[in-house]
Amino acid sequence: HHVATHHKGNKIFIVGAKTAKELVYLEQLKQMGDTIVSTDDGTKGYNGFVTEILKKYLQEKNLEDIHFFNCGPEIAMKKADIIERKYTSPEKIYHLVERMTSCGEGICGKCSTPNGKAVCIDGPVFSAVEFTLGQYTRDKTGRKVKI
């Protein structure tokens, strides 16, 4: 939501959740740009994943100078990243990375990414050049968990 309010230019939002009850900021996003909704269970919008909509949307449109801002589960961002790289360079793809933190100062390593960046001080937003998605995430204790 924060990025959307500060980014200039046309905006297209592809918003998804497991069910309609979990959708957030929908009305605010609709006021800022075209909004496409999907739910895993089909209770609102497209019945399926946002990455399916993203792929279809990009195939049908002839968009120029696209920037992507992704948030959500890391596995979904990884799938989106693969699709988006066909339409723009990694420098124009951004991921909001979520990690549990303890110290908030980059000391404990609990929130570190595969390339050693600390989400708490170096992020949470990383370009696709800086952050490789999908190798692992971390649990609440900071232990690496394969995706």
N, C-alpha and C. Protein backbone atom coordinates (compact mmCIF):
# COMPACT_ATOMS: atom_id res chain seq x y z
N HIS A 1 0.82 -1.19 0.00
CA HIS A 1 0.00 0.00 0.00
C HIS A 1 0.87 1.26 0.00
N HIS A 2 1.92 1.28 0.80
CA HIS A 2 2.80 2.45 0.88
C HIS A 2 3.46 2.75 -0.46
N VAL A 3 3.98 1.74 -1.12
CA VAL A 3 4.62 1.94 -2.42
C VAL A 3 3.61 2.50 -3.41
N ALA A 4 2.43 1.97 -3.39
CA ALA A 4 1.40 2.39 -4.34
C ALA A 4 1.04 3.86 -4.17
N THR A 5 1.04 4.35 -2.95
CA THR A 5 0.67 5.75 -2.73
C THR A 5 1.79 6.70 -3.15
N HIS A 6 3.02 6.23 -3.21
CA HIS A 6 4.15 7.09 -3.54
C HIS A 6 4.67 6.93 -4.97
N HIS A 7 4.34 5.86 -5.63
CA HIS A 7 4.83 5.61 -6.98
C HIS A 7 4.01 6.41 -7.98
N LYS A 8 4.69 7.14 -8.84
CA LYS A 8 4.02 7.92 -9.88
C LYS A 8 3.67 7.02 -11.06
N GLY A 9 2.73 7.44 -11.85
CA GLY A 9 2.38 6.69 -13.05
C GLY A 9 1.18 5.79 -12.88
N ASN A 10 0.82 5.12 -13.96
CA ASN A 10 -0.32 4.21 -13.95
C ASN A 10 0.00 3.00 -13.09
N LYS A 11 -1.02 2.53 -12.40
CA LYS A 11 -0.84 1.39 -11.52
C LYS A 11 -1.86 0.31 -11.85
N ILE A 12 -1.39 -0.92 -11.80
CA ILE A 12 -2.26 -2.08 -11.96
C ILE A 12 -1.96 -2.99 -10.78
N PHE A 13 -2.99 -3.34 -10.05
CA PHE A 13 -2.82 -4.19 -8.87
C PHE A 13 -3.43 -5.55 -9.14
N ILE A 14 -2.66 -6.57 -8.87
CA ILE A 14 -3.18 -7.93 -8.91
C ILE A 14 -3.09 -8.42 -7.48
N VAL A 15 -4.24 -8.56 -6.86
CA VAL A 15 -4.33 -8.84 -5.43
C VAL A 15 -4.93 -10.22 -5.23
N GLY A 16 -4.31 -11.00 -4.36
CA GLY A 16 -4.83 -12.33 -4.10
C GLY A 16 -4.77 -12.71 -2.64
N ALA A 17 -5.57 -13.69 -2.30
CA ALA A 17 -5.60 -14.24 -0.94
C ALA A 17 -6.21 -15.63 -1.02
N LYS A 18 -6.12 -16.35 0.07
CA LYS A 18 -6.72 -17.69 0.09
C LYS A 18 -8.22 -17.61 -0.05
N THR A 19 -8.83 -16.63 0.62
CA THR A 19 -10.27 -16.46 0.60
C THR A 19 -10.60 -14.97 0.64
N ALA A 20 -11.82 -14.60 0.26
CA ALA A 20 -12.22 -13.19 0.21
C ALA A 20 -12.06 -12.49 1.55
N LYS A 21 -12.23 -13.20 2.64
CA LYS A 21 -12.10 -12.60 3.98
C LYS A 21 -10.69 -12.11 4.27
N GLU A 22 -9.70 -12.63 3.55
CA GLU A 22 -8.30 -12.27 3.80
C GLU A 22 -7.79 -11.14 2.90
N LEU A 23 -8.60 -10.65 2.00
CA LEU A 23 -8.19 -9.55 1.12
C LEU A 23 -8.07 -8.26 1.92
N VAL A 24 -6.98 -7.52 1.72
CA VAL A 24 -6.77 -6.28 2.45
C VAL A 24 -6.50 -5.13 1.48
N TYR A 25 -6.81 -3.91 1.92
CA TYR A 25 -6.58 -2.68 1.17
C TYR A 25 -7.26 -2.64 -0.19
N LEU A 26 -8.23 -3.48 -0.40
CA LEU A 26 -8.86 -3.59 -1.72
C LEU A 26 -9.49 -2.27 -2.17
N GLU A 27 -10.26 -1.63 -1.33
CA GLU A 27 -10.93 -0.39 -1.71
C GLU A 27 -9.93 0.73 -1.95
N GLN A 28 -8.88 0.80 -1.13
CA GLN A 28 -7.85 1.83 -1.32
C GLN A 28 -7.10 1.62 -2.64
N LEU A 29 -6.80 0.37 -2.96
CA LEU A 29 -6.09 0.08 -4.21
C LEU A 29 -6.94 0.40 -5.42
N LYS A 30 -8.23 0.12 -5.34
CA LYS A 30 -9.15 0.41 -6.45
C LYS A 30 -9.18 1.90 -6.76
N GLN A 31 -8.98 2.73 -5.75
CA GLN A 31 -8.98 4.18 -5.94
C GLN A 31 -7.70 4.66 -6.63
N MET A 32 -6.64 3.85 -6.58
CA MET A 32 -5.35 4.26 -7.14
C MET A 32 -5.08 3.69 -8.54
N GLY A 33 -5.80 2.64 -8.92
CA GLY A 33 -5.55 2.06 -10.22
C GLY A 33 -6.41 0.84 -10.49
N ASP A 34 -6.24 0.28 -11.69
CA ASP A 34 -6.97 -0.93 -12.05
C ASP A 34 -6.60 -2.04 -11.07
N THR A 35 -7.60 -2.76 -10.60
CA THR A 35 -7.38 -3.79 -9.59
C THR A 35 -8.03 -5.10 -10.04
N ILE A 36 -7.22 -6.14 -10.06
CA ILE A 36 -7.69 -7.47 -10.42
C ILE A 36 -7.55 -8.35 -9.18
N VAL A 37 -8.60 -9.10 -8.86
CA VAL A 37 -8.63 -9.88 -7.62
C VAL A 37 -8.69 -11.36 -7.94
N SER A 38 -8.00 -12.14 -7.11
CA SER A 38 -8.12 -13.59 -7.18
C SER A 38 -8.12 -14.17 -5.77
N THR A 39 -8.81 -15.26 -5.63
CA THR A 39 -8.79 -16.01 -4.37
C THR A 39 -8.58 -17.48 -4.70
N ASP A 40 -7.82 -18.14 -3.84
CA ASP A 40 -7.53 -19.56 -4.06
C ASP A 40 -8.81 -20.39 -4.10
N ASP A 41 -9.81 -19.97 -3.28
CA ASP A 41 -11.03 -20.76 -3.20
C ASP A 41 -12.16 -20.23 -4.10
N GLY A 42 -11.90 -19.14 -4.83
CA GLY A 42 -12.90 -18.61 -5.75
C GLY A 42 -14.00 -17.78 -5.10
N THR A 43 -13.86 -17.40 -3.83
CA THR A 43 -14.91 -16.63 -3.16
C THR A 43 -14.98 -15.18 -3.65
N LYS A 44 -13.94 -14.69 -4.32
CA LYS A 44 -13.98 -13.36 -4.93
C LYS A 44 -13.01 -13.32 -6.10
N GLY A 45 -13.48 -12.81 -7.21
CA GLY A 45 -12.62 -12.66 -8.38
C GLY A 45 -12.24 -13.99 -9.01
N TYR A 46 -11.08 -13.99 -9.63
CA TYR A 46 -10.56 -15.17 -10.32
C TYR A 46 -10.31 -16.29 -9.32
N ASN A 47 -10.66 -17.49 -9.70
CA ASN A 47 -10.43 -18.66 -8.85
C ASN A 47 -9.07 -19.25 -9.21
N GLY A 48 -8.04 -18.83 -8.47
CA GLY A 48 -6.70 -19.31 -8.74
C GLY A 48 -5.66 -18.37 -8.15
N PHE A 49 -4.44 -18.52 -8.60
CA PHE A 49 -3.32 -17.76 -8.06
C PHE A 49 -3.06 -16.47 -8.83
N VAL A 50 -2.51 -15.47 -8.15
CA VAL A 50 -2.21 -14.19 -8.79
C VAL A 50 -1.20 -14.36 -9.92
N THR A 51 -0.32 -15.32 -9.80
CA THR A 51 0.68 -15.53 -10.85
C THR A 51 0.04 -15.98 -12.16
N GLU A 52 -1.07 -16.69 -12.08
CA GLU A 52 -1.79 -17.10 -13.28
C GLU A 52 -2.37 -15.87 -13.98
N ILE A 53 -2.93 -14.96 -13.19
CA ILE A 53 -3.49 -13.72 -13.75
C ILE A 53 -2.37 -12.86 -14.32
N LEU A 54 -1.28 -12.74 -13.58
CA LEU A 54 -0.14 -11.93 -14.02
C LEU A 54 0.35 -12.39 -15.39
N LYS A 55 0.55 -13.67 -15.53
CA LYS A 55 1.05 -14.22 -16.80
C LYS A 55 0.09 -13.91 -17.95
N LYS A 56 -1.18 -14.15 -17.74
CA LYS A 56 -2.19 -13.90 -18.78
C LYS A 56 -2.28 -12.42 -19.10
N TYR A 57 -2.29 -11.59 -18.08
CA TYR A 57 -2.40 -10.14 -18.27
C TYR A 57 -1.24 -9.61 -19.12
N LEU A 58 -0.03 -10.01 -18.78
CA LEU A 58 1.15 -9.54 -19.50
C LEU A 58 1.20 -10.06 -20.93
N GLN A 59 0.68 -11.25 -21.17
CA GLN A 59 0.64 -11.80 -22.52
C GLN A 59 -0.34 -11.01 -23.41
N GLU A 60 -1.41 -10.51 -22.79
CA GLU A 60 -2.45 -9.82 -23.55
C GLU A 60 -2.16 -8.33 -23.76
N LYS A 61 -1.38 -7.73 -22.89
CA LYS A 61 -1.13 -6.28 -22.96
C LYS A 61 0.24 -6.00 -23.55
N ASN A 62 0.37 -4.85 -24.16
CA ASN A 62 1.66 -4.42 -24.69
C ASN A 62 2.14 -3.25 -23.83
N LEU A 63 2.69 -3.56 -22.67
CA LEU A 63 3.10 -2.54 -21.72
C LEU A 63 4.57 -2.19 -21.89
N GLU A 64 4.89 -0.92 -21.68
CA GLU A 64 6.27 -0.46 -21.80
C GLU A 64 6.76 0.08 -20.46
N ASP A 65 8.06 -0.01 -20.27
CA ASP A 65 8.72 0.51 -19.07
C ASP A 65 8.00 0.08 -17.79
N ILE A 66 7.83 -1.21 -17.62
CA ILE A 66 7.10 -1.77 -16.49
C ILE A 66 8.02 -1.89 -15.28
N HIS A 67 7.48 -1.55 -14.13
CA HIS A 67 8.12 -1.81 -12.84
C HIS A 67 7.18 -2.71 -12.05
N PHE A 68 7.73 -3.71 -11.38
CA PHE A 68 6.93 -4.63 -10.58
C PHE A 68 7.30 -4.49 -9.11
N PHE A 69 6.30 -4.48 -8.24
CA PHE A 69 6.49 -4.47 -6.80
C PHE A 69 5.70 -5.65 -6.25
N ASN A 70 6.40 -6.63 -5.72
CA ASN A 70 5.78 -7.87 -5.26
C ASN A 70 5.81 -7.97 -3.74
N CYS A 71 4.74 -8.47 -3.18
CA CYS A 71 4.74 -8.82 -1.77
C CYS A 71 3.87 -10.07 -1.61
N GLY A 72 4.09 -10.76 -0.53
CA GLY A 72 3.34 -11.98 -0.28
C GLY A 72 4.26 -13.11 0.08
N PRO A 73 3.75 -14.32 0.04
CA PRO A 73 4.60 -15.49 0.34
C PRO A 73 5.77 -15.55 -0.64
N GLU A 74 6.92 -15.94 -0.15
CA GLU A 74 8.11 -15.93 -0.98
C GLU A 74 8.00 -16.84 -2.20
N ILE A 75 7.33 -17.95 -2.07
CA ILE A 75 7.18 -18.86 -3.20
C ILE A 75 6.35 -18.20 -4.31
N ALA A 76 5.35 -17.40 -3.93
CA ALA A 76 4.54 -16.69 -4.92
C ALA A 76 5.37 -15.59 -5.58
N MET A 77 6.18 -14.89 -4.79
CA MET A 77 7.04 -13.85 -5.37
C MET A 77 8.07 -14.46 -6.32
N LYS A 78 8.55 -15.64 -6.00
CA LYS A 78 9.51 -16.31 -6.89
C LYS A 78 8.85 -16.62 -8.24
N LYS A 79 7.63 -17.14 -8.21
CA LYS A 79 6.92 -17.45 -9.45
C LYS A 79 6.62 -16.18 -10.24
N ALA A 80 6.27 -15.10 -9.54
CA ALA A 80 6.02 -13.82 -10.21
C ALA A 80 7.30 -13.29 -10.84
N ASP A 81 8.41 -13.39 -10.12
CA ASP A 81 9.71 -12.92 -10.61
C ASP A 81 10.08 -13.61 -11.92
N ILE A 82 9.86 -14.89 -12.01
CA ILE A 82 10.17 -15.65 -13.23
C ILE A 82 9.36 -15.11 -14.41
N ILE A 83 8.09 -14.83 -14.19
CA ILE A 83 7.23 -14.29 -15.24
C ILE A 83 7.66 -12.88 -15.60
N GLU A 84 7.91 -12.05 -14.61
CA GLU A 84 8.21 -10.63 -14.82
C GLU A 84 9.52 -10.41 -15.58
N ARG A 85 10.49 -11.27 -15.39
CA ARG A 85 11.78 -11.12 -16.08
C ARG A 85 11.64 -11.26 -17.60
N LYS A 86 10.55 -11.80 -18.07
CA LYS A 86 10.30 -11.88 -19.51
C LYS A 86 9.85 -10.54 -20.08
N TYR A 87 9.46 -9.60 -19.19
CA TYR A 87 8.90 -8.33 -19.62
C TYR A 87 9.71 -7.11 -19.19
N THR A 88 10.66 -7.28 -18.29
CA THR A 88 11.50 -6.18 -17.84
C THR A 88 12.78 -6.71 -17.22
N SER A 89 13.68 -5.83 -16.90
CA SER A 89 14.96 -6.23 -16.32
C SER A 89 14.84 -6.39 -14.80
N PRO A 90 15.73 -7.16 -14.19
CA PRO A 90 15.68 -7.37 -12.74
C PRO A 90 15.79 -6.07 -11.93
N GLU A 91 16.39 -5.05 -12.51
CA GLU A 91 16.49 -3.75 -11.82
C GLU A 91 15.14 -3.08 -11.64
N LYS A 92 14.13 -3.53 -12.37
CA LYS A 92 12.80 -2.94 -12.29
C LYS A 92 11.80 -3.86 -11.59
N ILE A 93 12.32 -4.88 -10.93
CA ILE A 93 11.48 -5.80 -10.17
C ILE A 93 11.88 -5.67 -8.70
N TYR A 94 10.90 -5.45 -7.85
CA TYR A 94 11.17 -5.27 -6.42
C TYR A 94 10.33 -6.25 -5.61
N HIS A 95 10.95 -6.77 -4.55
CA HIS A 95 10.27 -7.71 -3.67
C HIS A 95 10.28 -7.20 -2.24
N LEU A 96 9.14 -7.24 -1.59
CA LEU A 96 9.05 -6.92 -0.18
C LEU A 96 9.27 -8.22 0.58
N VAL A 97 10.41 -8.33 1.23
CA VAL A 97 10.81 -9.57 1.89
C VAL A 97 10.44 -9.51 3.36
N GLU A 98 9.78 -10.55 3.82
CA GLU A 98 9.40 -10.62 5.23
C GLU A 98 10.23 -11.67 5.93
N ARG A 99 10.82 -11.28 7.03
CA ARG A 99 11.60 -12.19 7.87
C ARG A 99 11.32 -11.82 9.32
N MET A 100 11.32 -12.80 10.18
CA MET A 100 11.23 -12.54 11.62
C MET A 100 12.54 -11.90 12.05
N THR A 101 12.46 -10.93 12.94
CA THR A 101 13.68 -10.29 13.43
C THR A 101 13.72 -10.32 14.95
N SER A 102 14.90 -10.23 15.50
CA SER A 102 15.07 -10.14 16.95
C SER A 102 15.74 -8.83 17.33
N CYS A 103 16.93 -8.59 16.76
CA CYS A 103 17.69 -7.42 17.19
C CYS A 103 17.30 -6.15 16.44
N GLY A 104 16.90 -6.27 15.19
CA GLY A 104 16.56 -5.10 14.40
C GLY A 104 17.75 -4.24 14.01
N GLU A 105 18.95 -4.76 14.22
CA GLU A 105 20.16 -3.99 13.92
C GLU A 105 21.13 -4.75 13.02
N GLY A 106 20.72 -5.88 12.47
CA GLY A 106 21.57 -6.63 11.57
C GLY A 106 22.65 -7.46 12.24
N ILE A 107 22.55 -7.67 13.54
CA ILE A 107 23.58 -8.40 14.27
C ILE A 107 23.26 -9.90 14.38
N CYS A 108 22.02 -10.23 14.68
CA CYS A 108 21.69 -11.62 15.01
C CYS A 108 21.66 -12.55 13.80
N GLY A 109 21.40 -12.01 12.61
CA GLY A 109 21.36 -12.83 11.40
C GLY A 109 20.05 -13.56 11.19
N LYS A 110 19.12 -13.40 12.08
CA LYS A 110 17.85 -14.10 11.99
C LYS A 110 17.05 -13.75 10.73
N CYS A 111 17.23 -12.54 10.24
CA CYS A 111 16.46 -12.09 9.09
C CYS A 111 17.29 -12.05 7.81
N SER A 112 18.44 -12.68 7.80
CA SER A 112 19.32 -12.57 6.63
C SER A 112 18.76 -13.31 5.42
N THR A 113 19.09 -12.76 4.26
CA THR A 113 18.67 -13.33 2.99
C THR A 113 19.78 -14.25 2.48
N PRO A 114 19.53 -15.01 1.43
CA PRO A 114 20.56 -15.92 0.91
C PRO A 114 21.89 -15.25 0.55
N ASN A 115 21.83 -13.97 0.18
CA ASN A 115 23.07 -13.28 -0.18
C ASN A 115 23.65 -12.46 0.97
N GLY A 116 23.15 -12.69 2.19
CA GLY A 116 23.73 -12.07 3.38
C GLY A 116 23.18 -10.71 3.77
N LYS A 117 22.21 -10.20 3.06
CA LYS A 117 21.60 -8.92 3.44
C LYS A 117 20.69 -9.14 4.65
N ALA A 118 20.64 -8.15 5.53
CA ALA A 118 19.73 -8.20 6.68
C ALA A 118 18.46 -7.44 6.32
N VAL A 119 17.33 -8.12 6.38
CA VAL A 119 16.06 -7.50 6.03
C VAL A 119 15.79 -6.30 6.93
N CYS A 120 16.18 -6.40 8.19
CA CYS A 120 15.86 -5.34 9.15
C CYS A 120 16.58 -4.02 8.85
N ILE A 121 17.77 -4.06 8.28
CA ILE A 121 18.48 -2.82 8.01
C ILE A 121 18.73 -2.57 6.52
N ASP A 122 18.81 -3.60 5.72
CA ASP A 122 19.06 -3.44 4.28
C ASP A 122 17.78 -3.45 3.47
N GLY A 123 16.68 -3.84 4.07
CA GLY A 123 15.41 -3.97 3.37
C GLY A 123 14.33 -3.18 4.07
N PRO A 124 13.11 -3.60 3.96
CA PRO A 124 12.64 -4.90 3.50
C PRO A 124 12.43 -5.00 1.99
N VAL A 125 12.63 -3.90 1.26
CA VAL A 125 12.42 -3.95 -0.18
C VAL A 125 13.77 -4.15 -0.87
N PHE A 126 13.83 -5.17 -1.73
CA PHE A 126 15.05 -5.48 -2.48
C PHE A 126 14.72 -5.60 -3.96
N SER A 127 15.63 -5.14 -4.81
CA SER A 127 15.44 -5.37 -6.23
C SER A 127 15.75 -6.83 -6.51
N ALA A 128 15.29 -7.32 -7.63
CA ALA A 128 15.56 -8.71 -8.01
C ALA A 128 17.04 -8.94 -8.25
N VAL A 129 17.80 -7.86 -8.45
CA VAL A 129 19.25 -7.97 -8.60
C VAL A 129 19.88 -8.30 -7.24
N GLU A 130 19.35 -7.71 -6.17
CA GLU A 130 19.91 -7.86 -4.82
C GLU A 130 19.46 -9.13 -4.10
N PHE A 131 18.31 -9.64 -4.47
CA PHE A 131 17.71 -10.72 -3.70
C PHE A 131 17.25 -11.85 -4.60
N THR A 132 17.73 -13.04 -4.35
CA THR A 132 17.31 -14.23 -5.08
C THR A 132 16.23 -14.93 -4.27
N LEU A 133 15.08 -15.05 -4.86
CA LEU A 133 13.93 -15.64 -4.17
C LEU A 133 13.95 -17.16 -4.21
N GLY A 134 13.31 -17.74 -3.22
CA GLY A 134 12.96 -19.13 -3.28
C GLY A 134 13.99 -20.15 -2.87
N GLN A 135 15.17 -19.74 -2.40
CA GLN A 135 16.13 -20.72 -1.94
C GLN A 135 15.72 -21.24 -0.56
N TYR A 136 15.36 -20.30 0.30
CA TYR A 136 14.86 -20.67 1.62
C TYR A 136 14.18 -19.47 2.25
N THR A 137 13.43 -19.73 3.27
CA THR A 137 12.88 -18.69 4.12
C THR A 137 13.35 -19.01 5.53
N ARG A 138 12.87 -18.31 6.52
CA ARG A 138 13.27 -18.57 7.90
C ARG A 138 12.03 -18.72 8.77
N ASP A 139 12.13 -19.60 9.76
CA ASP A 139 11.02 -19.75 10.69
C ASP A 139 11.15 -18.70 11.80
N LYS A 140 10.29 -18.77 12.82
CA LYS A 140 10.28 -17.76 13.87
C LYS A 140 11.54 -17.76 14.72
N THR A 141 12.30 -18.83 14.69
CA THR A 141 13.53 -18.89 15.46
C THR A 141 14.73 -18.41 14.64
N GLY A 142 14.52 -18.18 13.35
CA GLY A 142 15.61 -17.75 12.47
C GLY A 142 16.26 -18.90 11.73
N ARG A 143 15.79 -20.13 11.97
CA ARG A 143 16.35 -21.31 11.29
C ARG A 143 15.94 -21.30 9.83
N LYS A 144 16.89 -21.64 8.95
CA LYS A 144 16.62 -21.71 7.52
C LYS A 144 15.64 -22.86 7.24
N VAL A 145 14.67 -22.57 6.38
CA VAL A 145 13.69 -23.56 5.99
C VAL A 145 13.61 -23.54 4.47
N LYS A 146 13.88 -24.69 3.83
CA LYS A 146 13.79 -24.78 2.37
C LYS A 146 12.36 -24.53 1.92
N ILE A 147 12.27 -23.90 0.77
CA ILE A 147 10.92 -23.63 0.21
C ILE A 147 10.56 -24.79 -0.71
